[in-house]
């Protein structure tokens, strides 16, 4: 048993040493600009070594991709760089020892990869600093736009469009109630105002005024209630419901002198 274990340990050490020598060989070939040799040897290492670590795989594909790009094989370099991103999406070249052209090409590949396979982030380069930027969710922005149009007409309809059924149902019911009561008391207060103005008997006049005053107050309460619900509905969609405008970064604050303004983008 001891002999078998010692043999396995020795084999592992030989394998690890050979693997390290192969990667060191690639680095030496890169330093002497033997790009065709780098590509051939990299393919050989990747083909016959199935137990490479993630770091080794990244290093090998990095050197292979640089060699391919240097030989104007952009398609091959793109595949090598994508292999890197499949392992580590945060990978970045060191600008101190990498050509800006290679970094620029890698940036393009990374942007495309992140958009196609992740759909969440893309990376823009400012000097040598990468800043994550959310890709605009066009469908979510369009949903918000459609919801706002419906909410402007009748508060609550926008929430129903965004599948906020409980909130949308409550707001729609309150909106219908306040709209209905507003229309009723507008008509009723106008009618009672005419009765008050046409009254000549002091006793009838006082009674008519009290009825008009009550109806007038109810009209104002109904209108204010509807306006409150309407305003709440728009604000809730813009800022808090689902993927609102704020969450999609479609709102911008502008300052000119002492003036501040908000702009919304759909």
Protein backbone atom coordinates (compact mmCIF):
# COMPACT_ATOMS: atom_id res chain seq x y z
CA UNK A 1 0.00 0.00 0.00
CA UNK A 2 2.83 2.38 0.85
CA UNK A 3 4.50 1.63 -2.46
CA UNK A 4 1.27 2.30 -4.38
CA UNK A 5 0.65 5.57 -2.53
CA UNK A 6 4.25 6.68 -3.11
CA UNK A 7 3.89 5.87 -6.80
CA UNK A 8 0.69 7.89 -7.07
CA UNK A 9 2.27 10.81 -5.27
CA UNK A 10 5.30 10.69 -7.55
CA UNK A 11 3.08 10.56 -10.64
CA UNK A 12 1.11 13.55 -9.40
CA UNK A 13 4.30 15.52 -8.77
CA UNK A 14 5.58 14.68 -12.26
CA UNK A 15 2.22 15.74 -13.75
CA UNK A 16 2.14 19.01 -11.82
CA UNK A 17 5.73 19.76 -12.79
CA UNK A 18 5.02 18.98 -16.44
CA UNK A 19 1.94 21.19 -16.42
CA UNK A 20 3.92 24.04 -14.90
CA UNK A 21 6.68 23.56 -17.45
CA UNK A 22 4.16 23.67 -20.31
CA UNK A 23 2.71 27.00 -19.14
CA UNK A 24 6.22 28.38 -18.55
CA UNK A 25 7.05 27.29 -22.09
CA UNK A 26 4.08 29.24 -23.45
CA UNK A 27 5.18 32.34 -21.56
CA UNK A 28 8.68 32.00 -23.01
CA UNK A 29 7.27 31.70 -26.52
CA UNK A 30 5.10 34.78 -25.93
CA UNK A 31 8.11 36.79 -24.81
CA UNK A 32 9.98 35.85 -28.00
CA UNK A 33 6.92 36.58 -30.21
CA UNK A 34 6.56 32.98 -31.46
CA UNK A 35 2.83 33.42 -31.85
CA UNK A 36 2.17 30.43 -34.14
CA UNK A 37 4.01 28.20 -31.70
CA UNK A 38 2.03 29.66 -28.80
CA UNK A 39 -1.27 28.80 -30.51
CA UNK A 40 -0.16 25.25 -31.38
CA UNK A 41 1.22 24.48 -27.92
CA UNK A 42 -1.77 26.07 -26.19
CA UNK A 43 -4.14 23.84 -28.17
CA UNK A 44 -2.05 20.83 -27.24
CA UNK A 45 -2.09 21.67 -23.53
CA UNK A 46 -5.82 22.28 -23.54
CA UNK A 47 -6.46 19.06 -25.45
CA UNK A 48 -4.38 16.66 -23.38
CA UNK A 49 -4.68 18.18 -19.90
CA UNK A 50 -8.21 17.84 -18.57
CA UNK A 51 -7.41 18.72 -14.94
CA UNK A 52 -6.16 22.26 -15.45
CA UNK A 53 -7.11 24.80 -12.78
CA UNK A 54 -9.26 27.81 -13.60
CA UNK A 55 -6.21 30.07 -13.32
CA UNK A 56 -4.24 27.88 -15.74
CA UNK A 57 -7.11 27.87 -18.21
CA UNK A 58 -7.38 31.66 -18.04
CA UNK A 59 -3.63 32.10 -18.52
CA UNK A 60 -3.48 29.69 -21.47
CA UNK A 61 -6.48 31.24 -23.25
CA UNK A 62 -5.12 34.71 -22.54
CA UNK A 63 -1.77 33.94 -24.21
CA UNK A 64 -3.48 32.10 -27.05
CA UNK A 65 -5.91 34.99 -27.62
CA UNK A 66 -3.13 37.58 -27.63
CA UNK A 67 -1.17 35.47 -30.14
CA UNK A 68 -4.22 35.10 -32.39
CA UNK A 69 -4.97 38.81 -32.26
CA UNK A 70 -1.33 39.62 -33.05
CA UNK A 71 -1.63 37.40 -36.14
CA UNK A 72 -4.85 39.22 -37.18
CA UNK A 73 -7.00 36.19 -36.35
CA UNK A 74 -9.73 38.19 -34.65
CA UNK A 75 -12.28 35.38 -34.73
CA UNK A 76 -9.87 33.00 -33.04
CA UNK A 77 -8.93 35.65 -30.46
CA UNK A 78 -12.61 36.30 -29.77
CA UNK A 79 -13.21 32.60 -29.03
CA UNK A 80 -10.20 32.49 -26.69
CA UNK A 81 -11.35 35.61 -24.83
CA UNK A 82 -14.88 34.21 -24.50
CA UNK A 83 -13.36 31.06 -22.96
CA UNK A 84 -11.78 33.35 -20.37
CA UNK A 85 -15.09 35.09 -19.65
CA UNK A 86 -16.85 31.75 -19.22
CA UNK A 87 -14.46 31.13 -16.34
CA UNK A 88 -14.17 34.66 -14.94
CA UNK A 89 -16.42 37.50 -16.10
CA UNK A 90 -14.43 39.99 -14.01
CA UNK A 91 -11.17 39.29 -15.82
CA UNK A 92 -9.25 42.37 -16.99
CA UNK A 93 -5.94 42.74 -18.79
CA UNK A 94 -3.15 44.58 -17.04
CA UNK A 95 -2.69 47.81 -19.06
CA UNK A 96 0.92 48.04 -17.87
CA UNK A 97 2.00 45.06 -19.99
CA UNK A 98 -0.79 44.72 -22.57
CA UNK A 99 -1.30 46.64 -25.81
CA UNK A 100 -4.21 49.12 -25.77
CA UNK A 101 -5.43 47.56 -29.03
CA UNK A 102 -5.72 44.16 -27.37
CA UNK A 103 -7.50 45.69 -24.37
CA UNK A 104 -9.89 47.55 -26.66
CA UNK A 105 -10.70 44.38 -28.60
CA UNK A 106 -11.21 42.45 -25.37
CA UNK A 107 -13.57 45.20 -24.14
CA UNK A 108 -15.74 44.73 -27.23
CA UNK A 109 -15.84 40.96 -26.78
CA UNK A 110 -16.68 41.38 -23.09
CA UNK A 111 -19.51 43.82 -23.81
CA UNK A 112 -21.05 41.48 -26.38
CA UNK A 113 -20.67 38.46 -24.10
CA UNK A 114 -22.25 40.18 -21.10
CA UNK A 115 -25.20 41.42 -23.17
CA UNK A 116 -25.90 38.12 -24.91
CA UNK A 117 -25.33 35.66 -22.09
CA UNK A 118 -26.18 37.77 -19.04
CA UNK A 119 -28.34 40.66 -20.25
CA UNK A 120 -27.57 42.68 -17.13
CA UNK A 121 -24.25 44.44 -17.31
CA UNK A 122 -21.92 45.86 -19.85
CA UNK A 123 -18.57 47.49 -19.18
CA UNK A 124 -17.34 50.82 -20.47
CA UNK A 125 -13.71 51.84 -20.22
CA UNK A 126 -12.53 55.15 -18.84
CA UNK A 127 -8.76 55.22 -19.14
CA UNK A 128 -7.93 51.91 -17.40
CA UNK A 129 -10.90 51.79 -15.02
CA UNK A 130 -13.94 49.65 -15.85
CA UNK A 131 -17.25 50.95 -14.60
CA UNK A 132 -20.29 48.63 -14.52
CA UNK A 133 -23.28 50.14 -16.26
CA UNK A 134 -26.76 48.66 -16.30
CA UNK A 135 -27.98 47.85 -19.77
CA UNK A 136 -31.25 49.67 -20.34
CA UNK A 137 -34.19 47.35 -19.98
CA UNK A 138 -36.26 48.55 -22.92
CA UNK A 139 -39.21 46.31 -22.20
CA UNK A 140 -39.46 47.48 -18.58
CA UNK A 141 -39.28 51.12 -19.69
CA UNK A 142 -42.00 50.51 -22.27
CA UNK A 143 -44.16 48.83 -19.61
CA UNK A 144 -43.77 51.85 -17.34
CA UNK A 145 -44.72 54.17 -20.20
CA UNK A 146 -47.86 52.16 -20.97
CA UNK A 147 -48.75 51.98 -17.28
CA UNK A 148 -48.40 55.75 -16.88
CA UNK A 149 -50.71 56.39 -19.85
CA UNK A 150 -53.37 54.17 -18.30
CA UNK A 151 -52.85 55.63 -14.84
CA UNK A 152 -53.26 59.19 -16.12
CA UNK A 153 -56.67 58.25 -17.53
CA UNK A 154 -57.88 56.32 -14.47
CA UNK A 155 -55.65 55.78 -11.41
CA UNK A 156 -55.20 52.08 -10.76
CA UNK A 157 -55.29 50.92 -14.38
CA UNK A 158 -51.52 51.36 -14.63
CA UNK A 159 -50.95 49.16 -11.60
CA UNK A 160 -53.24 46.49 -13.06
CA UNK A 161 -51.19 46.64 -16.28
CA UNK A 162 -48.04 45.99 -14.22
CA UNK A 163 -49.74 43.03 -12.50
CA UNK A 164 -50.11 44.91 -9.20
CA UNK A 165 -53.61 43.51 -8.84
CA UNK A 166 -54.36 44.28 -5.19
CA UNK A 167 -53.09 47.85 -5.28
CA UNK A 168 -54.52 48.40 -8.76
CA UNK A 169 -57.95 47.10 -7.72
CA UNK A 170 -58.09 49.32 -4.64
CA UNK A 171 -56.96 52.42 -6.52
CA UNK A 172 -59.37 51.77 -9.39
CA UNK A 173 -62.27 51.32 -6.97
CA UNK A 174 -61.42 54.51 -5.06
CA UNK A 175 -60.93 56.39 -8.33
CA UNK A 176 -64.33 55.27 -9.64
CA UNK A 177 -65.96 56.23 -6.34
CA UNK A 178 -64.36 59.68 -6.16
CA UNK A 179 -65.00 60.40 -9.85
CA UNK A 180 -68.62 59.36 -9.49
CA UNK A 181 -69.16 61.41 -6.33
CA UNK A 182 -67.39 64.41 -7.85
CA UNK A 183 -69.67 64.37 -10.89
CA UNK A 184 -72.74 63.93 -8.70
CA UNK A 185 -71.90 66.78 -6.31
CA UNK A 186 -70.86 69.11 -9.14
CA UNK A 187 -74.30 68.71 -10.66
CA UNK A 188 -76.03 68.76 -7.26
CA UNK A 189 -74.18 71.85 -6.00
CA UNK A 190 -74.99 73.75 -9.21
CA UNK A 191 -78.64 72.81 -8.84
CA UNK A 192 -78.79 73.81 -5.17
CA UNK A 193 -76.93 77.06 -5.92
CA UNK A 194 -79.63 78.02 -8.41
CA UNK A 195 -82.33 77.15 -5.86
CA UNK A 196 -80.59 79.33 -3.28
CA UNK A 197 -80.18 82.25 -5.67
CA UNK A 198 -83.82 82.04 -6.78
CA UNK A 199 -85.20 81.84 -3.23
CA UNK A 200 -87.03 84.93 -1.95
CA UNK A 201 -88.48 83.76 1.35
CA UNK A 202 -85.86 84.22 4.14
CA UNK A 203 -86.66 80.85 5.75
CA UNK A 204 -86.43 79.04 2.39
CA UNK A 205 -83.33 81.01 1.52
CA UNK A 206 -81.49 79.87 4.66
CA UNK A 207 -82.46 76.24 4.12
CA UNK A 208 -81.44 76.43 0.46
CA UNK A 209 -78.10 77.96 1.39
CA UNK A 210 -77.35 75.23 3.92
CA UNK A 211 -78.10 72.54 1.36
CA UNK A 212 -75.95 74.30 -1.26
CA UNK A 213 -73.10 74.79 1.21
CA UNK A 214 -73.12 71.10 2.19
CA UNK A 215 -73.17 69.96 -1.44
CA UNK A 216 -70.41 72.42 -2.33
CA UNK A 217 -68.17 71.09 0.45
CA UNK A 218 -68.82 67.49 -0.60
CA UNK A 219 -67.91 68.44 -4.18
CA UNK A 220 -64.57 69.85 -3.01
CA UNK A 221 -63.86 66.83 -0.80
CA UNK A 222 -64.56 64.48 -3.72
CA UNK A 223 -62.37 66.44 -6.13
CA UNK A 224 -59.50 66.67 -3.63
CA UNK A 225 -59.81 62.95 -2.90
CA UNK A 226 -59.65 62.08 -6.58
CA UNK A 227 -56.68 64.42 -7.14
CA UNK A 228 -54.85 62.81 -4.19
CA UNK A 229 -55.46 59.30 -5.53
CA UNK A 230 -54.44 60.39 -9.04
CA UNK A 231 -51.20 61.97 -7.84
CA UNK A 232 -50.34 59.01 -5.60
CA UNK A 233 -50.90 56.61 -8.48
CA UNK A 234 -48.44 58.42 -10.78
CA UNK A 235 -45.77 58.78 -8.10
CA UNK A 236 -46.09 55.16 -7.05
CA UNK A 237 -45.58 53.91 -10.61
CA UNK A 238 -42.66 56.25 -11.25
CA UNK A 239 -40.72 55.53 -8.10
CA UNK A 240 -41.91 52.44 -6.26
CA UNK A 241 -43.90 49.94 -8.31
CA UNK A 242 -42.06 47.05 -9.99
CA UNK A 243 -39.25 48.28 -12.19
CA UNK A 244 -40.00 51.97 -11.88
CA UNK A 245 -38.26 54.77 -13.69
CA UNK A 246 -35.78 55.25 -10.85
CA UNK A 247 -34.83 51.55 -10.91
CA UNK A 248 -34.19 51.76 -14.65
CA UNK A 249 -32.04 54.89 -14.35
CA UNK A 250 -34.34 56.73 -16.77
CA UNK A 251 -34.55 59.86 -14.64
CA UNK A 252 -32.02 62.67 -14.72
CA UNK A 253 -31.64 65.74 -12.52
CA UNK A 254 -30.54 68.90 -14.33
CA UNK A 255 -29.32 72.12 -12.77
CA UNK A 256 -29.12 75.50 -14.50
CA UNK A 257 -28.24 78.37 -12.21
CA UNK A 258 -30.84 78.33 -9.44
CA UNK A 259 -33.25 76.09 -11.37
CA UNK A 260 -33.61 72.34 -10.92
CA UNK A 261 -35.54 70.16 -13.33
CA UNK A 262 -36.32 66.45 -13.67
CA UNK A 263 -36.35 64.70 -17.02
CA UNK A 264 -37.81 61.26 -17.66
CA UNK A 265 -36.74 59.01 -20.53
CA UNK A 266 -38.77 56.06 -21.85
